[in-house]
Structure formats: structure tokens, C-alpha cells
Protein backbone atom coordinates (compact mmCIF):
# COMPACT_ATOMS: atom_id res chain seq x y z
CA MET A 1 107.36 -15.88 40.83
CA LEU A 2 107.16 -19.05 38.79
CA ARG A 3 106.54 -18.65 35.11
CA ARG A 4 103.01 -19.72 34.30
CA ILE A 5 103.06 -23.38 33.41
CA ARG A 6 101.34 -24.22 30.20
CA PHE A 7 100.50 -27.73 29.21
CA SER A 8 99.93 -28.58 25.56
CA ARG A 9 97.84 -31.51 24.50
CA THR A 10 100.39 -34.30 24.41
CA LEU A 11 98.14 -37.30 24.85
CA ALA A 12 96.49 -38.42 21.59
CA VAL A 13 93.03 -39.84 22.06
CA ALA A 14 92.23 -41.17 18.60
CA LEU A 15 93.93 -43.38 16.01
CA LEU A 16 92.96 -42.71 12.41
CA ILE A 17 93.33 -45.74 10.18
CA LEU A 18 93.65 -44.53 6.64
CA GLY A 19 91.89 -47.55 5.29
CA GLY A 20 88.71 -46.46 7.03
CA TRP A 21 88.38 -43.61 4.57
CA PHE A 22 90.25 -44.76 1.49
CA GLY A 23 89.59 -48.46 1.37
CA ALA A 24 91.79 -51.34 2.47
CA PRO A 25 95.50 -50.46 2.63
CA ALA A 26 98.05 -52.20 0.46
CA ALA A 27 99.87 -55.06 2.10
CA ASN A 28 103.03 -53.01 2.54
CA ALA A 29 101.34 -49.69 3.42
CA LEU A 30 102.48 -47.95 6.58
CA ILE A 31 99.73 -47.81 9.19
CA PRO A 32 100.08 -44.71 11.36
CA TYR A 33 100.45 -45.40 15.07
CA VAL A 34 99.87 -43.12 18.05
CA TYR A 35 100.97 -44.28 21.50
CA LEU A 36 98.12 -44.44 24.01
CA PRO A 37 99.26 -44.29 27.65
CA THR A 38 98.01 -46.89 30.06
CA GLU A 39 95.74 -46.15 32.99
CA GLU A 40 98.66 -46.58 35.39
CA GLU A 41 100.76 -44.11 33.42
CA LEU A 42 97.94 -41.58 33.49
CA LYS A 43 97.67 -41.99 37.26
CA GLY A 44 101.40 -41.48 37.58
CA SER A 45 101.21 -38.28 35.57
CA SER A 46 98.37 -37.03 37.75
CA ILE A 47 100.55 -37.27 40.87
CA GLY A 48 103.15 -34.93 39.43
CA ILE A 49 100.50 -32.52 38.20
CA GLY A 50 98.70 -32.57 41.54
CA ARG A 51 101.96 -31.93 43.39
CA THR A 52 102.66 -28.94 41.15
CA ALA A 53 99.14 -27.61 41.78
CA ALA A 54 99.72 -27.84 45.53
CA GLN A 55 103.02 -25.98 45.18
CA LEU A 56 101.33 -23.22 43.19
CA LEU A 57 98.77 -22.88 45.98
CA GLN A 58 101.59 -22.38 48.46
CA LEU A 59 102.95 -19.64 46.20
CA GLY A 60 99.56 -17.93 46.06
CA GLN A 61 98.90 -18.74 42.40
CA ALA A 62 95.37 -20.03 42.91
CA LYS A 63 94.16 -19.68 39.32
CA ASP A 64 97.02 -21.72 37.85
CA ALA A 65 96.65 -24.22 40.69
CA ALA A 66 92.95 -24.68 39.91
CA ARG A 67 93.69 -25.43 36.25
CA LEU A 68 96.31 -28.01 37.10
CA ALA A 69 94.20 -29.61 39.82
CA ALA A 70 91.29 -29.89 37.38
CA LEU A 71 93.60 -31.73 34.99
CA ALA A 72 94.76 -34.02 37.80
CA VAL A 73 91.22 -35.06 38.69
CA ARG A 74 90.44 -35.75 35.05
CA LEU A 75 93.45 -38.05 34.84
CA ASN A 76 92.72 -39.72 38.17
CA PRO A 77 89.18 -39.01 39.43
CA ASN A 78 89.37 -41.52 42.28
CA ASP A 79 92.07 -39.82 44.33
CA GLU A 80 90.53 -37.54 46.95
CA ARG A 81 93.81 -35.63 47.35
CA PHE A 82 93.39 -34.03 43.93
CA TRP A 83 89.79 -33.10 44.63
CA SER A 84 90.95 -31.51 47.90
CA ILE A 85 93.58 -29.44 46.12
CA LEU A 86 91.05 -28.41 43.50
CA ALA A 87 88.56 -27.40 46.17
CA GLU A 88 91.18 -25.31 47.99
CA ALA A 89 92.14 -23.55 44.77
CA GLN A 90 88.51 -22.88 43.95
CA LEU A 91 87.93 -21.56 47.45
CA ARG A 92 90.83 -19.13 47.13
CA ASN A 93 89.35 -17.98 43.83
CA ASN A 94 86.04 -17.33 45.65
CA ASP A 95 84.36 -20.02 43.55
CA LEU A 96 82.34 -21.36 46.47
CA LYS A 97 79.86 -23.49 44.52
CA ASP A 98 82.51 -25.42 42.61
CA ALA A 99 84.61 -25.74 45.77
CA SER A 100 81.64 -27.29 47.56
CA ARG A 101 81.12 -29.78 44.74
CA SER A 102 84.80 -30.74 44.72
CA LEU A 103 84.78 -31.27 48.47
CA ALA A 104 81.63 -33.35 48.26
CA ARG A 105 83.40 -35.63 45.78
CA ALA A 106 86.47 -35.84 48.02
CA LYS A 107 84.34 -36.75 51.02
CA GLN A 108 82.67 -39.52 49.05
CA LEU A 109 86.09 -40.99 48.39
CA ASN A 110 87.45 -40.52 51.91
CA PRO A 111 84.81 -39.59 54.53
CA GLU A 112 87.24 -40.23 57.40
CA LYS A 113 89.62 -37.42 56.47
CA ALA A 114 89.10 -34.63 59.00
CA GLY A 115 90.53 -31.92 56.76
CA LEU A 116 87.68 -32.34 54.30
CA TRP A 117 85.12 -31.59 56.99
CA PHE A 118 87.12 -28.57 58.13
CA ALA A 119 87.40 -27.33 54.56
CA GLU A 120 83.65 -27.61 54.02
CA ALA A 121 83.14 -25.66 57.24
CA ALA A 122 85.49 -22.96 55.94
CA ILE A 123 83.28 -22.58 52.87
CA ALA A 124 80.21 -22.27 55.08
CA LEU A 125 81.93 -19.59 57.16
CA ARG A 126 82.99 -17.71 54.05
CA ALA A 127 79.34 -17.74 52.99
CA GLU A 128 78.33 -16.53 56.48
CA ARG A 129 76.52 -19.75 57.36
CA PRO A 130 77.83 -20.49 60.88
CA ASP A 131 74.93 -22.82 61.68
CA ASP A 132 76.14 -25.10 58.88
CA ALA A 133 79.80 -24.72 59.84
CA VAL A 134 79.52 -25.74 63.50
CA PRO A 135 78.42 -29.38 62.98
CA LEU A 136 80.97 -29.81 60.18
CA ILE A 137 83.77 -28.65 62.47
CA ALA A 138 82.44 -30.84 65.27
CA ARG A 139 82.55 -33.88 62.99
CA GLY A 140 86.08 -33.04 61.93
CA LEU A 141 87.17 -32.68 65.55
CA GLN A 142 85.87 -36.17 66.26
CA LEU A 143 88.40 -37.39 63.70
CA ASP A 144 91.17 -34.94 64.62
CA PRO A 145 90.59 -33.67 68.19
CA ASN A 146 93.92 -31.82 68.49
CA ASN A 147 93.49 -29.44 65.58
CA ALA A 148 94.05 -25.90 66.88
CA ALA A 149 92.97 -24.26 63.62
CA ALA A 150 89.64 -26.07 63.77
CA TYR A 151 88.97 -24.74 67.26
CA PHE A 152 89.83 -21.27 65.95
CA ASP A 153 87.26 -21.63 63.17
CA LEU A 154 84.74 -22.97 65.67
CA GLY A 155 85.31 -19.88 67.82
CA ASN A 156 84.70 -17.64 64.82
CA ALA A 157 81.48 -19.49 64.06
CA ARG A 158 80.36 -19.03 67.67
CA ILE A 159 81.02 -15.28 67.42
CA MET A 160 78.88 -15.17 64.29
CA GLN A 161 76.16 -16.98 66.24
CA ASP A 162 76.56 -14.42 69.06
CA GLU A 163 77.52 -17.18 71.49
CA LEU A 164 80.46 -15.34 73.02
CA PRO A 165 81.22 -17.57 76.07
CA ARG A 166 81.37 -20.62 73.81
CA ALA A 167 83.53 -18.69 71.35
CA LEU A 168 85.96 -17.84 74.14
CA GLU A 169 86.09 -21.50 75.16
CA SER A 170 86.97 -22.55 71.61
CA PHE A 171 89.70 -19.93 71.23
CA GLU A 172 91.21 -20.97 74.55
CA LYS A 173 91.27 -24.60 73.40
CA ALA A 174 93.13 -23.43 70.30
CA THR A 175 95.86 -21.70 72.32
CA ALA A 176 96.04 -24.63 74.76
CA LEU A 177 97.01 -26.79 71.80
CA LYS A 178 99.18 -24.12 70.19
CA PRO A 179 100.37 -21.52 72.72
CA GLU A 180 101.81 -19.15 70.09
CA PHE A 181 98.58 -19.07 68.07
CA TRP A 182 98.35 -15.30 68.28
CA GLU A 183 95.22 -15.03 66.12
CA ALA A 184 93.30 -17.16 68.60
CA LEU A 185 94.68 -15.13 71.51
CA ASN A 186 93.65 -11.93 69.74
CA ASN A 187 90.13 -13.23 69.30
CA GLN A 188 89.98 -14.15 72.97
CA ALA A 189 90.64 -10.49 73.74
CA LEU A 190 87.96 -9.37 71.28
CA VAL A 191 85.42 -11.61 72.99
CA LEU A 192 86.48 -10.58 76.47
CA TYR A 193 86.09 -6.92 75.56
CA GLU A 194 82.55 -7.51 74.35
CA LEU A 195 81.82 -9.38 77.59
CA GLY A 196 82.89 -6.31 79.57
CA GLN A 197 86.20 -7.74 80.79
CA ARG A 198 88.32 -4.86 79.54
CA GLN A 199 91.35 -5.28 81.76
CA GLU A 200 91.72 -8.95 80.88
CA ALA A 201 91.27 -8.10 77.19
CA VAL A 202 94.09 -5.56 77.48
CA ARG A 203 96.36 -8.15 79.12
CA ARG A 204 95.77 -10.63 76.32
CA TRP A 205 96.30 -8.05 73.58
CA ARG A 206 99.62 -7.18 75.18
CA ARG A 207 100.53 -10.87 75.08
CA VAL A 208 99.58 -10.96 71.40
CA LEU A 209 101.89 -8.09 70.55
CA LYS A 210 104.78 -9.91 72.21
CA LEU A 211 104.17 -12.73 69.72
CA GLU A 212 103.29 -10.69 66.64
CA ALA A 213 103.34 -6.92 66.01
CA ASN A 214 100.15 -7.13 63.97
CA PRO A 215 98.07 -3.99 63.32
CA GLU A 216 94.75 -5.61 64.30
CA PRO A 217 95.55 -6.30 67.97
CA MET A 218 97.60 -3.10 68.02
CA LEU A 219 94.61 -0.92 67.10
CA ALA A 220 92.22 -2.87 69.30
CA LEU A 221 94.57 -2.47 72.26
CA ALA A 222 94.88 1.24 71.50
CA ALA A 223 91.09 1.61 71.56
CA ALA A 224 90.81 -0.27 74.85
CA LEU A 225 93.60 1.78 76.44
CA HIS A 226 91.97 4.99 75.27
CA GLN A 227 88.81 3.99 77.12
CA LEU A 228 90.92 3.37 80.22
CA GLY A 229 92.50 6.82 80.04
CA GLU A 230 95.89 5.75 78.65
CA HIS A 231 95.85 8.52 76.07
CA THR A 232 99.50 8.79 75.01
CA GLU A 233 100.11 5.08 74.46
CA ALA A 234 96.75 4.74 72.69
CA ILE A 235 97.64 7.48 70.17
CA GLN A 236 101.06 5.99 69.47
CA LEU A 237 99.70 2.48 68.95
CA ALA A 238 96.85 3.65 66.75
CA SER A 239 99.12 5.70 64.51
CA THR A 240 101.45 2.74 64.00
CA ALA A 241 98.57 0.32 63.38
CA LEU A 242 96.96 2.51 60.72
CA ALA A 243 100.29 2.94 58.96
CA LYS A 244 100.75 -0.84 58.90
CA ASN A 245 97.24 -1.62 57.64
CA PRO A 246 95.07 1.33 56.58
CA ASN A 247 92.03 -0.93 56.12
CA TYR A 248 91.41 -0.98 59.87
CA VAL A 249 90.31 2.64 59.69
CA LEU A 250 87.09 1.33 58.10
CA PRO A 251 84.32 0.09 60.44
CA LEU A 252 83.14 -2.39 57.78
CA HIS A 253 86.56 -3.99 57.68
CA GLN A 254 86.61 -4.19 61.47
CA ALA A 255 83.19 -5.88 61.42
CA GLU A 256 84.36 -8.41 58.83
CA GLN A 257 87.21 -9.29 61.18
CA LEU A 258 84.54 -10.09 63.78
CA TRP A 259 85.08 -7.01 65.92
CA GLY A 260 82.09 -6.54 68.17
CA ARG A 261 80.02 -3.41 68.70
CA ARG A 262 81.87 -2.28 71.82
CA ILE A 263 85.37 -2.41 70.38
CA ARG A 264 84.22 -0.73 67.16
CA GLU A 265 82.64 2.10 69.15
CA ALA A 266 85.77 2.47 71.25
CA THR A 267 87.87 2.59 68.07
CA ALA A 268 85.64 5.28 66.56
CA GLN A 269 86.11 7.43 69.66
CA LEU A 270 89.87 6.94 69.53
CA LEU A 271 90.11 7.79 65.84
CA SER A 272 88.21 11.04 66.42
CA GLU A 273 91.10 12.40 68.50
CA PRO A 274 92.73 15.48 66.87
CA GLU A 275 96.21 13.96 67.24
CA LEU A 276 95.17 11.18 64.87
CA THR A 277 93.59 13.35 62.17
CA ASN A 278 96.51 13.03 59.76
CA SER A 279 96.89 9.29 60.37
CA VAL A 280 93.18 8.72 59.85
CA GLU A 281 93.01 10.77 56.65
CA ARG A 282 96.08 8.99 55.27
CA ALA A 283 94.61 5.59 56.11
CA GLN A 284 91.29 6.47 54.49
CA ALA A 285 93.12 7.49 51.33
CA ASN A 286 95.20 4.28 51.26
CA ALA A 287 92.58 1.73 52.33
CA THR A 288 92.09 -1.04 49.77
CA TRP A 289 89.55 -3.20 51.58
CA LYS A 290 86.86 -5.03 49.63
CA LYS A 291 84.26 -7.22 51.27
CA SER A 292 85.05 -10.91 50.93
CA GLN A 293 82.72 -12.78 48.64
């Protein structure tokens, strides 16, 4: 972990002339002088500060990043990059209103930057406003049509709108652009299961687990296999998944991850099996999930 960076006030903003208070100075009196940086120097400082804020974001230190990004935009308010970094930091701190304002300012400065439209859509999705997110993503894709992550977000928005065939189409576009995008492949399987295509969902979850041994597709696959009568494998997968991430024992967490009604019901049936009693109780005791704000 990086030690928290603290910045003291090093830039003086006022020059006190003693004569202003005590009358005219003597001819040989020393007049105090404070160096005032130029506008170009302030802009140069903002670049270093903004770069540090971005690095802190990569390290997961969103609060420190937000403070530094706020300083960067004060030093150079006409650079949309700093507003973007500030918005991302605010978003990670669940400060959605300020993040929206920062993004609005960034878009004023550079409306042709696709990432700003995608970021605004991410805020709308976080606030569970898919109807607002879809046109924002669509506009971003006009500027950056090969963005796999944007198609993933579009698929999530379509799930929230209960437009499952269109969600599937978006997730498949994401994996066409990025074949190892396991999250998009996982969501394809979730959609397919809700559409009644269980066997195909199982095939795609198995492909996911070859890419990433993640507990979400692992538990979903276990639930689907349990419905298909594959009892032994289902129990083994479920036990491993709950040990990896106990939060998936909670239906509310499953719903937040956009699991549909059918897969949640299948999971509930699986988790009621006596062989999983200990795993379920342990997961319930260790779950740390809190609903995203």
C-alpha cells in the first residue's frame, strides 16, 4: 500500500506589502516577496497530480484519488482528463451526484470522447436507470464501435429492461470482440437459462470455467446440473463455489448480479440438499454482502 499522500499549501496566493498597514516604507526597507507561479506552471503541476490520482485509482485508493483529482481540476479546470478521473473516483466512492456533475463538465470539454458516455451510462446503471443508460451507451458505441465492455454494459441494461434476446445479442457481441471475456460469456448463460435453453446455458458455463474458476458461474452451473439430474457434480461445484464466495448463498446478492428468477429458484433447490447443509450454514455465517448504493 502507498502511504497516504498529503499535500501542504505550498502556493502563496497573497502578497502583503507592509506599507499598506504601516505607511510608506523607508527607501531602503526590505519589501517581502512571495513567488506566484504562472498559469503554465500550475497546469504542469496539475498533470503530475492527475497522474498520481489515476495511479491511486488503480491501487483501489478511491478516496485519496478523489482528493487529488479535485486539486487537479482546480489547478487546470479545462482539461477533461482530470474531470474524468475525478468522476471515476467519485463513482467508486458511491458519490453518484458529484460523479454525474464531473462527467457533465468533462463532456462539455470533450463531447467526442466515447469513454465519457460509457461512464455516464455506468452511473445510470448503478442507480438502476437502464432506460437512461441505453442511449448513452449507444452514443458511445457510435464513437467507439469495438468496445467489448460497452456491449457488456448494454447487455446488463437490457436484462434490467427484461429484454433478454437483445441482452443475449449484446453479450455475444462482447465476446465476438473479446473471446476471453468470461463475464460476458457467463451472462450469456444466465440469459439462456431464463429463456429455457438449459443445455446451451450449461455448455457456456463450462466454457466460462475453463477461462476463469469464478464462484458465480460455478454455482450457477451447479444449479443447472442439479435440475438436469447431475447430483454429484452439482454438490461438488456448489460446495466449492460457496467456499470461494459465501455471498452467493444470499438470493438478494444473486439478484443484484442479475440472476433471473429461474436460476435463483434452481439454486434454492440445490442449496436445500442435505449434503450442502454445512456449506450453506458456513456461507451464511461468512457472507459480507451489502447492497450497492
